[in-house]
Amino acid sequence: MYAVIASGGKQYKVAIGDRLKVESLDLDPGASVDLESVLFLSDGEDIKAGSPYLNSVVRATVIGHGRGEKIRIFKMRKRKNSRQRTGHRQNFTELEIVSIDGKAVEPAAKSVTEKAAAPEVEDVKSDDDREQVVGTDRETSAAEDVSEAVESAKGDFAADTDEKTDEKTT
């Protein structure tokens, strides 16, 4: 199910559970707002279009307020050494759609999305076990690898110097 709503002079296609940023509304975070300017409504089978609006309500919850990205404005008049640089950040309100035309999300479906959003935590060994594993396996193998690399490099260097000294004597 989705709807097309109008807010702040713009139109938004929304579904239940969507988050959207609309023009700034004077509401506190956590407050509920009814958006009554519904232009279009579809539930998969039936389609309703208003002229201009329907008698439906989209209910949303205010998540928070913020400011958008900075837009840079640069004005220049050629051959007059006149330059003007300004910027603008638009305020917005972030909303989460709770219900469309009185149809809300079932609690079972909402808990599934919460489970998907929260990663599962695996059982971790105690700190003592972790220190033993890190202290014995990983560090010794890394130290052995380094010492082997150093020894092989020394051997290669010694072989190269022996060959050079043999060439000089002959």
Protein backbone atom coordinates (compact mmCIF):
# COMPACT_ATOMS: atom_id res chain seq x y z
CA MET A 1 0.00 0.00 0.00
CA TYR A 2 1.29 3.46 -0.84
CA ALA A 3 0.03 7.01 -1.06
CA VAL A 4 1.07 10.27 -2.65
CA ILE A 5 0.93 13.18 -0.21
CA ALA A 6 1.61 16.89 -0.49
CA SER A 7 3.64 18.68 2.16
CA GLY A 8 5.52 21.95 1.95
CA GLY A 9 4.69 22.48 -1.71
CA LYS A 10 6.19 19.14 -2.73
CA GLN A 11 4.68 15.71 -3.41
CA TYR A 12 6.00 12.49 -1.86
CA LYS A 13 5.24 8.84 -2.58
CA VAL A 14 5.12 7.08 0.81
CA ALA A 15 4.53 3.59 2.14
CA ILE A 16 4.14 2.35 5.72
CA GLY A 17 7.50 2.38 7.49
CA ASP A 18 9.14 4.89 5.10
CA ARG A 19 11.22 7.77 6.42
CA LEU A 20 11.18 11.03 4.54
CA LYS A 21 12.45 14.57 4.93
CA VAL A 22 9.84 17.28 4.45
CA GLU A 23 9.93 21.03 4.84
CA SER A 24 10.31 22.12 8.44
CA LEU A 25 7.25 21.52 10.64
CA ASP A 26 6.88 23.15 14.04
CA LEU A 27 6.50 19.91 16.04
CA ASP A 28 8.52 18.23 18.77
CA PRO A 29 10.38 14.96 18.09
CA GLY A 30 8.18 11.99 18.96
CA ALA A 31 4.97 13.87 18.17
CA SER A 32 2.37 12.40 15.84
CA VAL A 33 1.16 14.35 12.82
CA ASP A 34 -1.78 13.70 10.48
CA LEU A 35 -1.08 14.56 6.85
CA GLU A 36 -4.50 15.18 5.31
CA SER A 37 -3.46 16.31 1.84
CA VAL A 38 -3.52 12.85 0.23
CA LEU A 39 -3.53 13.05 -3.57
CA PHE A 40 -3.44 9.36 -4.50
CA LEU A 41 -3.97 6.06 -2.70
CA SER A 42 -3.23 2.51 -3.85
CA ASP A 43 -3.44 -0.78 -1.98
CA GLY A 44 -2.41 -3.04 -4.86
CA GLU A 45 -5.94 -3.70 -6.09
CA ASP A 46 -7.90 -0.48 -5.70
CA ILE A 47 -6.65 2.91 -6.83
CA LYS A 48 -8.15 6.15 -5.59
CA ALA A 49 -7.25 9.53 -7.04
CA GLY A 50 -8.48 12.77 -5.57
CA SER A 51 -9.45 16.00 -7.26
CA PRO A 52 -7.38 17.49 -5.74
CA TYR A 53 -7.44 15.62 -2.39
CA LEU A 54 -8.96 12.45 -0.93
CA ASN A 55 -10.75 12.10 2.41
CA SER A 56 -7.87 10.00 3.77
CA VAL A 57 -5.23 10.56 6.39
CA VAL A 58 -1.59 9.52 6.49
CA ARG A 59 -0.29 9.39 10.06
CA ALA A 60 3.41 9.98 10.71
CA THR A 61 5.72 10.33 13.70
CA VAL A 62 8.34 13.08 13.90
CA ILE A 63 11.81 11.51 14.15
CA GLY A 64 13.75 14.76 14.38
CA HIS A 65 14.78 18.01 12.78
CA GLY A 66 17.89 18.89 10.84
CA ARG A 67 19.46 20.98 8.14
CA GLY A 68 20.21 19.91 4.60
CA GLU A 69 23.45 20.16 2.67
CA LYS A 70 24.85 23.59 1.97
CA ILE A 71 23.98 25.06 -1.41
CA ARG A 72 26.62 27.47 -2.66
CA ILE A 73 25.58 30.53 -4.67
CA PHE A 74 28.16 32.48 -6.65
CA LYS A 75 27.30 35.63 -8.60
CA MET A 76 29.83 37.39 -10.79
CA ARG A 77 29.60 40.39 -13.08
CA LYS A 78 32.24 40.22 -15.76
CA ARG A 79 34.75 43.08 -16.16
CA LYS A 80 33.51 44.84 -13.01
CA ASN A 81 35.52 42.95 -10.37
CA SER A 82 32.23 42.19 -8.64
CA ARG A 83 31.83 38.79 -7.02
CA GLN A 84 29.30 37.65 -4.45
CA ARG A 85 29.44 34.28 -2.71
CA THR A 86 26.71 33.08 -0.35
CA GLY A 87 25.31 29.78 0.88
CA HIS A 88 22.04 28.33 2.13
CA ARG A 89 21.02 25.33 4.25
CA GLN A 90 17.35 24.37 4.24
CA ASN A 91 15.72 23.17 7.48
CA PHE A 92 13.81 19.88 7.35
CA THR A 93 11.75 17.58 9.54
CA GLU A 94 12.25 13.82 9.28
CA LEU A 95 9.03 11.79 9.45
CA GLU A 96 8.30 8.08 9.68
CA ILE A 97 5.02 6.90 8.16
CA VAL A 98 3.01 4.91 10.71
CA SER A 99 -0.31 4.33 8.95
CA ILE A 100 -2.05 5.08 5.67
CA ASP A 101 -5.82 5.55 5.68
CA GLY A 102 -6.08 3.90 9.11
CA LYS A 103 -4.15 0.76 8.10
CA ALA A 104 -1.06 0.29 10.24
CA VAL A 105 1.74 -2.24 10.35
CA GLU A 106 0.97 -5.44 12.26
CA PRO A 107 3.14 -5.88 15.36
CA ALA A 108 4.53 -9.23 14.08
CA ALA A 109 5.81 -7.62 10.86
CA LYS A 110 7.33 -4.76 12.81
CA SER A 111 9.28 -7.11 15.09
CA VAL A 112 10.73 -8.91 12.06
CA THR A 113 12.13 -5.65 10.70
CA GLU A 114 13.57 -4.82 14.11
CA LYS A 115 15.31 -8.20 14.21
CA ALA A 116 16.74 -7.64 10.73
CA ALA A 117 18.02 -4.20 11.71
CA ALA A 118 19.76 -5.40 14.89
CA PRO A 119 22.72 -7.70 14.22
CA GLU A 120 22.93 -10.87 16.24
CA VAL A 121 25.68 -11.08 18.82
CA GLU A 122 27.65 -14.32 18.89
CA ASP A 123 28.83 -15.95 22.10
CA VAL A 124 32.36 -14.76 22.82
CA LYS A 125 34.92 -16.58 24.91
CA SER A 126 35.96 -15.05 28.17
CA ASP A 127 38.81 -12.54 28.21
CA ASP A 128 41.23 -15.11 29.67
CA ASP A 129 40.59 -17.57 26.82
CA ARG A 130 40.99 -14.82 24.23
CA GLU A 131 44.34 -13.73 25.71
CA GLN A 132 45.62 -17.30 25.62
CA VAL A 133 44.61 -17.74 22.00
CA VAL A 134 46.08 -14.40 20.95
CA GLY A 135 49.19 -14.84 23.10
CA THR A 136 50.13 -18.31 21.88
CA ASP A 137 48.85 -18.97 18.38
CA ARG A 138 48.82 -15.67 16.58
CA GLU A 139 51.84 -13.94 18.08
CA THR A 140 54.19 -16.93 17.85
CA SER A 141 53.18 -17.69 14.28
CA ALA A 142 53.72 -14.06 13.31
CA ALA A 143 57.07 -14.00 15.10
CA GLU A 144 58.13 -17.24 13.41
CA ASP A 145 57.13 -15.88 10.00
CA VAL A 146 59.17 -12.74 10.57
CA SER A 147 62.24 -14.65 11.78
CA GLU A 148 62.04 -17.02 8.80
CA ALA A 149 61.83 -14.09 6.41
CA VAL A 150 64.84 -12.43 8.05
CA GLU A 151 66.89 -15.63 7.91
CA SER A 152 66.08 -16.22 4.27
CA ALA A 153 66.96 -12.63 3.44
CA LYS A 154 70.27 -13.00 5.27
CA GLY A 155 71.01 -16.19 3.39
CA ASP A 156 70.22 -14.56 0.03
CA PHE A 157 72.40 -11.58 0.91
CA ALA A 158 75.28 -13.82 2.01
CA ALA A 159 75.06 -15.87 -1.21
CA ASP A 160 75.10 -12.68 -3.30
CA THR A 161 78.18 -11.31 -1.48
CA ASP A 162 80.03 -14.63 -1.84
CA GLU A 163 79.42 -14.63 -5.61
CA LYS A 164 80.68 -11.03 -5.88
CA THR A 165 83.84 -11.78 -3.94
CA ASP A 166 84.50 -14.84 -6.16
CA GLU A 167 84.16 -12.65 -9.27
CA LYS A 168 86.59 -10.07 -7.86
CA THR A 169 89.28 -12.68 -7.06
CA THR A 170 89.17 -14.19 -10.52
